[in-house]
Amino acid sequence: MPRKYLFIAALALLTACWFSVGFHQGDEHFQLLEFAGYKLGFISAEQLPWEFEERMRPATQPAIAYAIHRLCGVWGEVNPYYFACLLRLISAVGFLFLATNVYKRFADRMPTERLLGWLALGLLFNWCSVYSGIRFSGENWAGMAFAFGLLLYPTAVPERTDTFTPAKTGGALACFGAGLLFGLAFLFRYQVAIMVLGFGAWLLFIARERWPRLGLVVLGGLVALALGTLLDRWFYGEWVIAPWHYLRSNLIEGKAATFGSAPWWDYFRMVFERGVPPLSLLYIAAPLWFAWRFRRDPLTWMMVPFLLVHFLLSRKDARFLFPLLPFLPVMIMAGAIALRRKYGKGLFNRKGVSGSVKLLGGINLAILLTVLFRPMISEVKVNKFVWDNYTEPVSLFADGRHVFTYADLTLHFYQRPGKVTIYRTEDRAEWPKCGTPVCLYSQFTRTPTPPKNARLVYTTRPEWADGLGLKDWLDGMKWWAIYELE
């Protein structure tokens, strides 16, 4: 991997980790940080989402967050915002290390220095890979763990024209380590089991792997599952089979469908729209072409069952596909190599083709820059003001939505334990008397209507933009505002 690319990527990831406050989706916070806060003792079981009572979420990642938080606590009070940033930094290190290893594994497949450079750029700077790669989420950590396991496993099979993944040597320890990583991937996100089973089927039917080596993979997986079961016992306070509870609740009882359903083809729409066309066309075409062209490749065998099952499930969410991102640039480059072979070595020097590549690269760069600097959710940026400026007990009044609100849930992890009291009612006449040294009121609106004698202390509305003639445009948008009450 070129050092200059690694240096720039490290700076970009540091930037993204700092500015990308919040989370992509609620599970990333409520099933991980809130769960960790419960074991740390400053969040009660009653404040956790319904999945806690169902005993259906794995405790592995919350346990990691718990351990890191305890370690950070040795040096005093842990700032939750810096702590969340630290978790993103750890994820980013994993992303960078994984990208480097994927590059090493597939570098020999690149016939020219230009394509080798494109592989490096795709692995390090593909905007959606960076977007997911810095997240302390189950999808990202499961995808990384599975990818590391796939890279570690010694796939010593004869070279074939219908495979793209290079063979790799290794012994018993590599087989066991791969199984351990596959088991951890499952504990981070249960659905990754489909990818593991797909790769297992490839080992059985394509690689014709020896049974002792398969046994070592299974043994490694069982060790990981045993560790996960112990962590679930520690977290829930009783012996549970969390994967079964997850399957029963979401599929058998159908609770997953209550969060929305969509037809099987809706993932194509999601990727097309959110991947930003025409770049998103590449994200759709490359994996489909790869699966057809390299039908006996292990990447195909792990990807196709994973996609088919998700197509069939009624619950659709683009983040469910994030575990496939580590190998997306490889599939794109496989397509580029095939095009070069078919249309000649000078294909990418042709004016039209070269211009198209630059256009796609420019679009990717523009989106990447927004990823580096844009916060995930505005609430975290706003409630950070409360943490930074009020160490004493605070009463927070709101007509409805307040700065610690996300959907219908409350962010407890970012509150000073025991020092924030929230009064949420639509009728201000029902507000009780404030019993703390500081009384605050928050609104998310286009037209603030604070209580009488309230003093504005914070707003996300950029006043400097008024001087640029943007006042009318700004007034048409919703902004957060925090007021101190007398």
Protein backbone atom coordinates (compact mmCIF):
# COMPACT_ATOMS: atom_id res chain seq x y z
CA MET A 1 0.00 0.00 0.00
CA PRO A 2 1.55 3.37 -0.99
CA ARG A 3 2.63 5.27 2.13
CA LYS A 4 1.30 8.57 0.83
CA TYR A 5 -2.15 7.04 0.47
CA LEU A 6 -1.97 5.63 3.99
CA PHE A 7 -0.92 8.99 5.40
CA ILE A 8 -3.75 10.86 3.67
CA ALA A 9 -6.24 8.14 4.64
CA ALA A 10 -5.14 8.35 8.28
CA LEU A 11 -5.71 12.11 8.29
CA ALA A 12 -9.09 11.70 6.60
CA LEU A 13 -10.18 9.06 9.09
CA LEU A 14 -9.06 11.21 12.03
CA THR A 15 -11.10 14.08 10.63
CA ALA A 16 -14.17 11.90 10.14
CA CYS A 17 -13.91 10.41 13.63
CA TRP A 18 -13.83 13.89 15.16
CA PHE A 19 -16.69 15.43 13.20
CA SER A 20 -18.91 12.38 12.69
CA VAL A 21 -20.63 12.70 16.07
CA GLY A 22 -23.69 10.60 16.72
CA PHE A 23 -24.62 7.43 14.93
CA HIS A 24 -25.92 6.21 11.59
CA GLN A 25 -28.91 4.40 13.07
CA GLY A 26 -30.34 3.99 16.56
CA ASP A 27 -29.08 0.43 17.09
CA GLU A 28 -25.51 1.71 16.90
CA HIS A 29 -26.18 3.73 20.04
CA PHE A 30 -29.03 2.14 21.99
CA GLN A 31 -27.92 -1.49 21.62
CA LEU A 32 -24.27 -0.72 22.35
CA LEU A 33 -23.53 2.46 24.32
CA GLU A 34 -26.78 2.48 26.31
CA PHE A 35 -26.25 -1.21 27.08
CA ALA A 36 -22.70 -0.47 28.21
CA GLY A 37 -24.02 2.40 30.34
CA TYR A 38 -26.34 -0.06 32.05
CA LYS A 39 -23.43 -2.28 33.12
CA LEU A 40 -21.44 0.81 34.09
CA GLY A 41 -24.23 1.65 36.51
CA PHE A 42 -25.54 5.01 35.33
CA ILE A 43 -28.43 3.79 33.15
CA SER A 44 -31.26 1.70 34.62
CA ALA A 45 -32.84 -1.35 32.98
CA GLU A 46 -36.13 0.57 32.69
CA GLN A 47 -34.40 3.16 30.51
CA LEU A 48 -33.18 0.60 27.97
CA PRO A 49 -35.09 -0.26 24.76
CA TRP A 50 -37.41 -3.23 24.54
CA GLU A 51 -34.72 -5.55 23.17
CA PHE A 52 -33.17 -5.73 26.64
CA GLU A 53 -36.27 -7.37 28.12
CA GLU A 54 -36.35 -9.79 25.21
CA ARG A 55 -32.72 -10.85 25.98
CA MET A 56 -32.06 -10.85 22.25
CA ARG A 57 -29.01 -8.64 21.71
CA PRO A 58 -25.42 -9.92 21.95
CA ALA A 59 -23.35 -8.50 24.79
CA THR A 60 -20.00 -8.72 22.99
CA GLN A 61 -19.74 -5.16 21.71
CA PRO A 62 -21.29 -3.59 24.82
CA ALA A 63 -18.70 -5.55 26.80
CA ILE A 64 -15.91 -4.06 24.66
CA ALA A 65 -17.31 -0.56 25.23
CA TYR A 66 -17.64 -1.32 28.94
CA ALA A 67 -14.01 -2.46 29.23
CA ILE A 68 -12.66 0.57 27.34
CA HIS A 69 -14.82 2.91 29.44
CA ARG A 70 -13.51 1.34 32.65
CA LEU A 71 -9.97 1.77 31.40
CA CYS A 72 -10.58 5.41 30.51
CA GLY A 73 -12.16 5.95 33.93
CA VAL A 74 -8.80 5.33 35.59
CA TRP A 75 -7.88 8.89 34.59
CA GLY A 76 -11.04 10.48 35.96
CA GLU A 77 -14.49 11.35 34.65
CA VAL A 78 -15.11 9.98 31.17
CA ASN A 79 -16.44 12.49 28.70
CA PRO A 80 -19.03 10.48 26.69
CA TYR A 81 -18.40 12.47 23.51
CA TYR A 82 -14.64 11.90 23.59
CA PHE A 83 -15.33 8.27 24.50
CA ALA A 84 -17.60 7.80 21.47
CA CYS A 85 -14.89 9.44 19.35
CA LEU A 86 -12.36 6.96 20.77
CA LEU A 87 -14.59 4.06 19.70
CA ARG A 88 -14.74 5.54 16.21
CA LEU A 89 -10.95 5.85 16.19
CA ILE A 90 -10.58 2.18 17.15
CA SER A 91 -12.97 1.27 14.34
CA ALA A 92 -10.97 3.44 11.94
CA VAL A 93 -7.74 1.64 12.89
CA GLY A 94 -9.46 -1.66 12.10
CA PHE A 95 -10.67 -0.25 8.78
CA LEU A 96 -7.17 0.93 7.83
CA PHE A 97 -5.56 -2.36 8.83
CA LEU A 98 -8.18 -4.34 6.91
CA ALA A 99 -7.80 -2.20 3.78
CA THR A 100 -4.04 -2.77 3.88
CA ASN A 101 -4.44 -6.54 4.15
CA VAL A 102 -7.04 -6.74 1.37
CA TYR A 103 -4.63 -4.75 -0.80
CA LYS A 104 -1.77 -7.16 -0.05
CA ARG A 105 -3.95 -10.18 -0.82
CA PHE A 106 -5.22 -8.93 -4.18
CA ALA A 107 -2.27 -6.81 -5.36
CA ASP A 108 -0.92 -9.61 -7.57
CA ARG A 109 -4.24 -9.69 -9.43
CA MET A 110 -3.70 -6.14 -10.72
CA PRO A 111 -1.95 -6.26 -14.13
CA THR A 112 -0.75 -2.61 -14.16
CA GLU A 113 0.46 0.02 -11.70
CA ARG A 114 -2.54 2.18 -12.58
CA LEU A 115 -5.02 -0.52 -11.61
CA LEU A 116 -3.00 -1.28 -8.49
CA GLY A 117 -3.26 2.38 -7.52
CA TRP A 118 -6.98 2.35 -8.18
CA LEU A 119 -7.34 -0.65 -5.88
CA ALA A 120 -5.55 1.25 -3.11
CA LEU A 121 -7.69 4.35 -3.66
CA GLY A 122 -10.88 2.28 -3.69
CA LEU A 123 -10.02 0.48 -0.47
CA LEU A 124 -9.00 3.64 1.39
CA PHE A 125 -11.21 6.37 -0.03
CA ASN A 126 -14.45 4.81 -1.26
CA TRP A 127 -16.88 7.13 0.49
CA CYS A 128 -19.36 4.50 1.64
CA SER A 129 -16.54 2.31 2.98
CA VAL A 130 -15.18 5.23 5.01
CA TYR A 131 -18.70 6.16 6.11
CA SER A 132 -19.25 2.69 7.55
CA GLY A 133 -15.63 1.98 8.47
CA ILE A 134 -15.41 4.53 11.29
CA ARG A 135 -18.62 3.42 12.97
CA PHE A 136 -18.67 1.43 16.21
CA SER A 137 -21.61 -0.53 14.83
CA GLY A 138 -22.46 -4.20 14.63
CA GLU A 139 -22.57 -4.10 10.83
CA ASN A 140 -19.09 -2.60 10.53
CA TRP A 141 -17.37 -4.74 13.16
CA ALA A 142 -19.05 -7.91 11.87
CA GLY A 143 -17.97 -7.13 8.31
CA MET A 144 -14.39 -6.45 9.41
CA ALA A 145 -14.18 -9.59 11.55
CA PHE A 146 -15.53 -11.75 8.73
CA ALA A 147 -13.18 -10.16 6.18
CA PHE A 148 -10.17 -10.74 8.45
CA GLY A 149 -11.23 -14.37 8.84
CA LEU A 150 -11.58 -14.82 5.09
CA LEU A 151 -8.15 -13.28 4.50
CA LEU A 152 -6.58 -15.42 7.21
CA TYR A 153 -7.97 -18.75 6.06
CA PRO A 154 -5.47 -20.71 3.92
CA THR A 155 -7.51 -21.13 0.74
CA ALA A 156 -4.88 -23.26 -0.99
CA VAL A 157 -6.89 -24.32 -4.05
CA PRO A 158 -5.72 -24.61 -7.68
CA GLU A 159 -5.94 -21.42 -9.73
CA ARG A 160 -9.01 -21.39 -11.96
CA THR A 161 -10.43 -19.01 -14.52
CA ASP A 162 -13.73 -18.83 -12.60
CA THR A 163 -12.12 -17.66 -9.34
CA PHE A 164 -10.55 -14.30 -8.57
CA THR A 165 -9.44 -14.60 -4.95
CA PRO A 166 -5.75 -15.67 -4.81
CA ALA A 167 -4.76 -18.85 -2.99
CA LYS A 168 -3.09 -18.53 0.41
CA THR A 169 -0.94 -20.88 2.44
CA GLY A 170 -1.30 -21.52 6.13
CA GLY A 171 -1.60 -24.18 8.78
CA ALA A 172 -3.80 -25.30 11.65
CA LEU A 173 -3.47 -22.05 13.59
CA ALA A 174 -4.75 -20.04 10.62
CA CYS A 175 -7.78 -22.33 10.30
CA PHE A 176 -8.57 -22.00 14.00
CA GLY A 177 -8.03 -18.23 13.93
CA ALA A 178 -10.35 -17.86 10.94
CA GLY A 179 -13.05 -19.78 12.78
CA LEU A 180 -12.57 -17.60 15.85
CA LEU A 181 -12.99 -14.47 13.70
CA PHE A 182 -16.08 -15.91 12.01
CA GLY A 183 -17.56 -16.57 15.45
CA LEU A 184 -16.82 -13.02 16.56
CA ALA A 185 -18.42 -11.68 13.38
CA PHE A 186 -21.55 -13.61 14.30
CA LEU A 187 -21.50 -12.16 17.81
CA PHE A 188 -21.27 -8.64 16.40
CA ARG A 189 -24.18 -9.20 14.02
CA TYR A 190 -26.07 -12.48 13.81
CA GLN A 191 -26.95 -12.14 10.12
CA VAL A 192 -23.28 -12.56 9.17
CA ALA A 193 -23.81 -16.26 9.89
CA ILE A 194 -25.20 -16.44 6.35
CA MET A 195 -21.85 -15.29 4.96
CA VAL A 196 -20.02 -17.80 7.16
CA LEU A 197 -22.27 -20.63 5.98
CA GLY A 198 -21.75 -19.56 2.36
CA PHE A 199 -17.98 -19.67 2.79
CA GLY A 200 -18.32 -23.03 4.56
CA ALA A 201 -20.28 -24.39 1.60
CA TRP A 202 -17.51 -23.16 -0.71
CA LEU A 203 -14.93 -25.01 1.40
CA LEU A 204 -16.99 -28.20 1.17
CA PHE A 205 -18.11 -28.22 -2.45
CA ILE A 206 -15.51 -26.16 -4.32
CA ALA A 207 -12.27 -26.30 -2.35
CA ARG A 208 -12.96 -29.87 -1.19
CA GLU A 209 -11.33 -28.95 2.07
CA ARG A 210 -10.03 -31.66 4.40
CA TRP A 211 -12.20 -32.46 7.39
CA PRO A 212 -9.51 -31.81 10.03
CA ARG A 213 -9.10 -28.25 8.78
CA LEU A 214 -12.87 -27.73 8.72
CA GLY A 215 -12.97 -29.08 12.26
CA LEU A 216 -10.48 -26.41 13.35
CA VAL A 217 -12.69 -23.70 11.84
CA VAL A 218 -15.70 -25.07 13.70
CA LEU A 219 -13.67 -25.29 16.90
CA GLY A 220 -12.62 -21.65 16.60
CA GLY A 221 -16.22 -20.65 16.03
CA LEU A 222 -17.40 -22.62 19.05
CA VAL A 223 -14.78 -20.96 21.25
CA ALA A 224 -16.09 -17.55 20.14
CA LEU A 225 -19.69 -18.62 20.77
CA ALA A 226 -18.75 -19.88 24.25
CA LEU A 227 -17.16 -16.52 25.00
CA GLY A 228 -20.26 -14.75 23.70
CA THR A 229 -22.52 -16.90 25.87
CA LEU A 230 -20.46 -16.06 28.96
CA LEU A 231 -20.64 -12.36 28.14
CA ASP A 232 -24.42 -12.64 27.69
CA ARG A 233 -24.61 -14.31 31.13
CA TRP A 234 -22.58 -11.46 32.62
CA PHE A 235 -24.70 -8.81 30.94
CA TYR A 236 -28.21 -10.15 31.48
CA GLY A 237 -27.52 -11.73 34.85
CA GLU A 238 -28.85 -15.11 33.72
CA TRP A 239 -28.10 -17.79 31.18
CA VAL A 240 -29.71 -16.89 27.86
CA ILE A 241 -29.50 -17.98 24.24
CA ALA A 242 -29.59 -14.51 22.73
CA PRO A 243 -29.41 -15.62 19.06
CA TRP A 244 -32.51 -17.78 19.53
CA HIS A 245 -34.37 -14.93 21.23
CA TYR A 246 -33.40 -12.67 18.33
CA LEU A 247 -34.70 -15.20 15.79
CA ARG A 248 -37.90 -15.83 17.73
CA SER A 249 -38.71 -12.18 18.28
CA ASN A 250 -37.83 -10.76 14.87
CA LEU A 251 -38.77 -13.58 12.51
CA ILE A 252 -41.15 -15.98 14.24
CA GLU A 253 -43.12 -13.27 16.07
CA GLY A 254 -42.56 -10.81 13.22
CA LYS A 255 -41.45 -7.79 15.25
CA ALA A 256 -38.85 -6.82 12.65
CA ALA A 257 -41.61 -6.30 10.09
CA THR A 258 -43.31 -3.77 12.38
CA PHE A 259 -40.43 -1.38 11.67
CA GLY A 260 -41.30 -1.38 7.98
CA SER A 261 -41.39 -3.79 5.07
CA ALA A 262 -40.48 -3.53 1.41
CA PRO A 263 -40.45 -5.74 -1.73
CA TRP A 264 -37.41 -7.92 -2.49
CA TRP A 265 -36.04 -5.53 -5.10
CA ASP A 266 -36.05 -2.48 -2.80
CA TYR A 267 -32.34 -2.89 -2.01
CA PHE A 268 -31.57 -1.96 -5.61
CA ARG A 269 -33.53 1.27 -5.15
CA MET A 270 -31.80 2.01 -1.85
CA VAL A 271 -28.32 1.48 -3.23
CA PHE A 272 -29.12 3.45 -6.39
CA GLU A 273 -30.47 6.45 -4.48
CA ARG A 274 -28.18 6.52 -1.46
CA GLY A 275 -25.07 5.49 -3.32
CA VAL A 276 -25.52 8.60 -5.52
CA PRO A 277 -25.87 7.92 -9.25
CA PRO A 278 -24.02 7.38 -11.51
CA LEU A 279 -21.57 6.11 -8.86
CA SER A 280 -24.25 3.88 -7.39
CA LEU A 281 -24.62 2.06 -10.72
CA LEU A 282 -21.08 0.82 -10.19
CA TYR A 283 -21.99 -0.42 -6.70
CA ILE A 284 -24.85 -2.44 -8.17
CA ALA A 285 -23.26 -3.69 -11.39
CA ALA A 286 -19.85 -4.75 -10.04
CA PRO A 287 -21.06 -7.30 -7.43
CA LEU A 288 -23.68 -8.73 -9.82
CA TRP A 289 -21.14 -9.11 -12.61
CA PHE A 290 -18.56 -10.55 -10.20
CA ALA A 291 -21.03 -13.15 -8.92
CA TRP A 292 -21.78 -14.24 -12.51
CA ARG A 293 -18.23 -14.18 -13.85
CA PHE A 294 -16.55 -15.77 -10.82
CA ARG A 295 -19.20 -18.22 -9.79
CA ARG A 296 -16.74 -20.50 -7.99
CA ASP A 297 -15.00 -17.74 -6.04
CA PRO A 298 -15.33 -17.68 -2.22
CA LEU A 299 -16.43 -14.04 -2.35
CA THR A 300 -19.37 -15.06 -4.53
CA TRP A 301 -20.32 -17.93 -2.25
CA MET A 302 -20.38 -15.73 0.82
CA MET A 303 -22.10 -12.78 -0.89
CA VAL A 304 -24.91 -14.38 -2.89
CA PRO A 305 -26.66 -16.24 -0.02
CA PHE A 306 -26.31 -13.15 2.16
CA LEU A 307 -28.03 -11.00 -0.47
CA LEU A 308 -30.73 -13.54 -1.28
CA VAL A 309 -31.78 -13.93 2.34
CA HIS A 310 -31.92 -10.17 2.80
CA PHE A 311 -33.95 -9.83 -0.41
CA LEU A 312 -36.48 -12.31 1.00
CA LEU A 313 -36.77 -10.70 4.43
CA SER A 314 -39.49 -8.05 4.58
CA ARG A 315 -37.41 -5.65 6.71
CA LYS A 316 -35.07 -3.66 4.46
CA ASP A 317 -32.31 -1.26 5.47
CA ALA A 318 -29.23 -0.27 3.48
CA ARG A 319 -27.03 -0.70 6.56
CA PHE A 320 -27.74 -4.43 6.53
CA LEU A 321 -25.48 -4.62 3.45
CA PHE A 322 -22.54 -2.83 5.11
CA PRO A 323 -20.72 -6.11 5.97
CA LEU A 324 -20.09 -6.56 2.22
CA LEU A 325 -18.24 -3.25 1.84
CA PRO A 326 -14.67 -4.47 2.61
CA PHE A 327 -14.55 -6.39 -0.69
CA LEU A 328 -16.58 -4.01 -2.87
CA PRO A 329 -13.46 -2.29 -4.34
CA VAL A 330 -12.05 -5.73 -5.21
CA MET A 331 -15.15 -6.58 -7.21
CA ILE A 332 -15.03 -3.21 -8.97
CA MET A 333 -11.38 -3.75 -9.92
CA ALA A 334 -12.14 -7.26 -11.16
CA GLY A 335 -14.59 -5.65 -13.57
CA ALA A 336 -12.01 -3.06 -14.63
CA ILE A 337 -9.49 -5.84 -15.40
CA ALA A 338 -12.07 -7.72 -17.46
CA LEU A 339 -12.91 -4.59 -19.47
CA ARG A 340 -9.22 -3.96 -20.13
CA ARG A 341 -8.75 -7.50 -21.39
CA LYS A 342 -11.76 -7.29 -23.68
CA TYR A 343 -11.25 -3.82 -25.14
CA GLY A 344 -7.49 -3.52 -25.10
CA LYS A 345 -4.72 -2.26 -22.84
CA GLY A 346 -5.31 1.34 -23.87
CA LEU A 347 -8.97 1.32 -22.82
CA PHE A 348 -8.56 3.65 -19.85
CA ASN A 349 -6.49 6.10 -21.92
CA ARG A 350 -9.39 6.76 -24.29
CA LYS A 351 -10.88 10.20 -23.83
CA GLY A 352 -14.43 9.11 -23.06
CA VAL A 353 -13.43 6.33 -20.69
CA SER A 354 -10.83 8.46 -18.93
CA GLY A 355 -13.37 11.26 -18.51
CA SER A 356 -15.93 8.84 -17.05
CA VAL A 357 -13.42 7.53 -14.53
CA LYS A 358 -12.54 11.08 -13.49
CA LEU A 359 -16.23 11.94 -13.16
CA LEU A 360 -16.84 8.97 -10.87
CA GLY A 361 -13.74 9.83 -8.87
CA GLY A 362 -14.84 13.45 -8.56
CA ILE A 363 -18.31 12.46 -7.35
CA ASN A 364 -16.78 10.08 -4.82
CA LEU A 365 -14.41 12.80 -3.57
CA ALA A 366 -17.23 15.32 -3.18
CA ILE A 367 -19.33 12.87 -1.13
CA LEU A 368 -16.28 11.79 0.87
CA LEU A 369 -15.63 15.40 1.92
CA THR A 370 -19.17 15.66 3.27
CA VAL A 371 -18.69 12.37 5.13
CA LEU A 372 -15.50 13.70 6.75
CA PHE A 373 -17.11 16.83 8.16
CA ARG A 374 -20.83 16.15 8.60
CA PRO A 375 -22.26 15.07 11.99
CA MET A 376 -24.48 12.00 11.93
CA ILE A 377 -27.29 13.48 14.02
CA SER A 378 -27.66 17.06 15.21
CA GLU A 379 -28.96 16.09 18.67
CA VAL A 380 -25.53 14.88 19.82
CA LYS A 381 -23.90 18.12 18.75
CA VAL A 382 -26.55 20.08 20.65
CA ASN A 383 -26.66 18.09 23.90
CA LYS A 384 -22.87 18.31 24.00
CA PHE A 385 -23.44 21.98 24.80
CA VAL A 386 -25.34 20.92 27.93
CA TRP A 387 -22.54 18.57 29.01
CA ASP A 388 -19.78 21.11 28.35
CA ASN A 389 -21.43 24.08 30.06
CA TYR A 390 -23.45 22.73 32.98
CA THR A 391 -21.77 20.51 35.56
CA GLU A 392 -24.42 21.19 38.20
CA PRO A 393 -27.89 19.58 38.17
CA VAL A 394 -30.07 20.77 35.30
CA SER A 395 -33.81 20.71 34.65
CA LEU A 396 -34.64 20.54 30.96
CA PHE A 397 -38.11 21.62 29.89
CA ALA A 398 -39.55 20.88 26.45
CA ASP A 399 -42.89 21.08 24.68
CA GLY A 400 -42.19 17.72 23.06
CA ARG A 401 -38.88 16.87 21.46
CA HIS A 402 -35.84 17.84 23.52
CA VAL A 403 -32.08 17.75 22.97
CA PHE A 404 -31.73 14.22 24.38
CA THR A 405 -34.46 12.85 22.10
CA TYR A 406 -33.87 10.37 19.30
CA ALA A 407 -37.04 9.06 17.64
CA ASP A 408 -39.19 8.03 20.64
CA LEU A 409 -36.18 7.20 22.82
CA THR A 410 -34.01 9.23 25.17
CA LEU A 411 -30.24 9.43 24.98
CA HIS A 412 -29.11 8.71 28.54
CA PHE A 413 -25.48 7.92 27.77
CA TYR A 414 -24.72 11.57 26.98
CA GLN A 415 -26.25 12.93 30.19
CA ARG A 416 -24.33 13.59 33.38
CA PRO A 417 -25.48 10.69 35.57
CA GLY A 418 -28.20 11.83 37.95
CA LYS A 419 -27.85 15.50 37.02
CA VAL A 420 -30.39 15.92 34.20
CA THR A 421 -34.13 15.98 34.88
CA ILE A 422 -36.38 16.20 31.82
CA TYR A 423 -39.92 17.57 31.83
CA ARG A 424 -41.64 16.91 28.54
CA THR A 425 -45.22 18.09 28.01
CA GLU A 426 -47.21 19.86 25.32
CA ASP A 427 -48.82 22.21 27.84
CA ARG A 428 -46.44 24.63 29.52
CA ALA A 429 -48.98 25.19 32.28
CA GLU A 430 -48.23 21.65 33.44
CA TRP A 431 -44.55 22.37 33.99
CA PRO A 432 -43.55 21.82 37.62
CA LYS A 433 -41.45 24.30 39.54
CA CYS A 434 -37.80 24.02 38.63
CA GLY A 435 -35.86 22.54 41.53
CA THR A 436 -32.31 22.75 40.19
CA PRO A 437 -29.76 25.58 39.97
CA VAL A 438 -30.10 25.66 36.16
CA CYS A 439 -33.35 25.50 34.19
CA LEU A 440 -33.19 25.07 30.42
CA TYR A 441 -35.70 25.00 27.58
CA SER A 442 -34.99 23.52 24.15
CA GLN A 443 -36.76 23.67 20.79
CA PHE A 444 -36.23 22.31 17.30
CA THR A 445 -38.22 24.62 15.07
CA ARG A 446 -38.31 27.21 12.29
CA THR A 447 -40.01 29.77 14.52
CA PRO A 448 -38.80 29.67 18.15
CA THR A 449 -41.42 30.45 20.79
CA PRO A 450 -39.46 30.40 24.05
CA PRO A 451 -41.12 31.04 27.41
CA LYS A 452 -41.22 34.57 28.76
CA ASN A 453 -37.91 35.95 30.06
CA ALA A 454 -35.95 33.07 28.47
CA ARG A 455 -32.41 33.86 27.38
CA LEU A 456 -30.94 32.21 24.28
CA VAL A 457 -27.63 30.51 25.14
CA TYR A 458 -27.13 28.23 22.14
CA THR A 459 -28.42 27.70 18.62
CA THR A 460 -27.31 25.71 15.63
CA ARG A 461 -28.48 28.50 13.32
CA PRO A 462 -25.33 30.16 11.86
CA GLU A 463 -25.80 33.88 12.41
CA TRP A 464 -22.78 34.68 10.23
CA ALA A 465 -24.76 33.45 7.22
CA ASP A 466 -27.23 36.34 7.63
CA GLY A 467 -24.54 38.70 6.36
CA LEU A 468 -24.33 36.65 3.17
CA GLY A 469 -27.97 37.33 2.33
CA LEU A 470 -29.15 33.86 3.40
CA LYS A 471 -31.54 34.98 6.14
CA ASP A 472 -34.75 34.07 4.28
CA TRP A 473 -33.36 30.65 3.39
CA LEU A 474 -32.17 30.02 6.96
CA ASP A 475 -35.52 31.09 8.39
CA GLY A 476 -37.19 28.38 6.31
CA MET A 477 -35.23 25.62 8.04
CA LYS A 478 -35.53 24.04 11.47
CA TRP A 479 -32.79 24.77 14.01
CA TRP A 480 -32.05 23.74 17.56
CA ALA A 481 -32.18 26.41 20.25
CA ILE A 482 -31.45 26.20 23.99
CA TYR A 483 -32.65 28.87 26.43
CA GLU A 484 -31.92 29.51 30.10
CA LEU A 485 -35.08 30.14 32.15
CA GLU A 486 -35.29 32.55 35.04
